[in-house]
């Protein structure tokens, strides 16, 4: 069992930056592919970015490519999402998730992920 706890959300102005963290419990964290998703009011949850167990595979959604960076520190059992050049349309609840079945392949569908955090709110004002 893995427990995930997100932090770092808050209010930012357009063009600003935030850094989200996802702290994981459990010794098997380093074996899992991880993903960040977001859900805006009235919209479906969508894939933002993912990272393989080694950090060598990091796909991004087109909407955030070039602005967001995902990384992980397996020694600290933590995944990060650095968000730069924020836009109002980035406003959403952000969730991290763990895929226990895959290490190198990153799936963009939420149904592939086994463990989820409670989410952290990100609000970007114009």
Foldseek 3Di string as FASTA:
>chain_A
DKAKAKDFADEAAQQAKIKMKIAMDDLCLLQWKKFKWWDDPPGDIWTAWIAASVRPDIDGDPVQPPFWDWDDDSVRRMIMIIGGNDDQVVWTWMKMFIQNPGGGDDDGDPVRTDYIYPTDTHGYHD
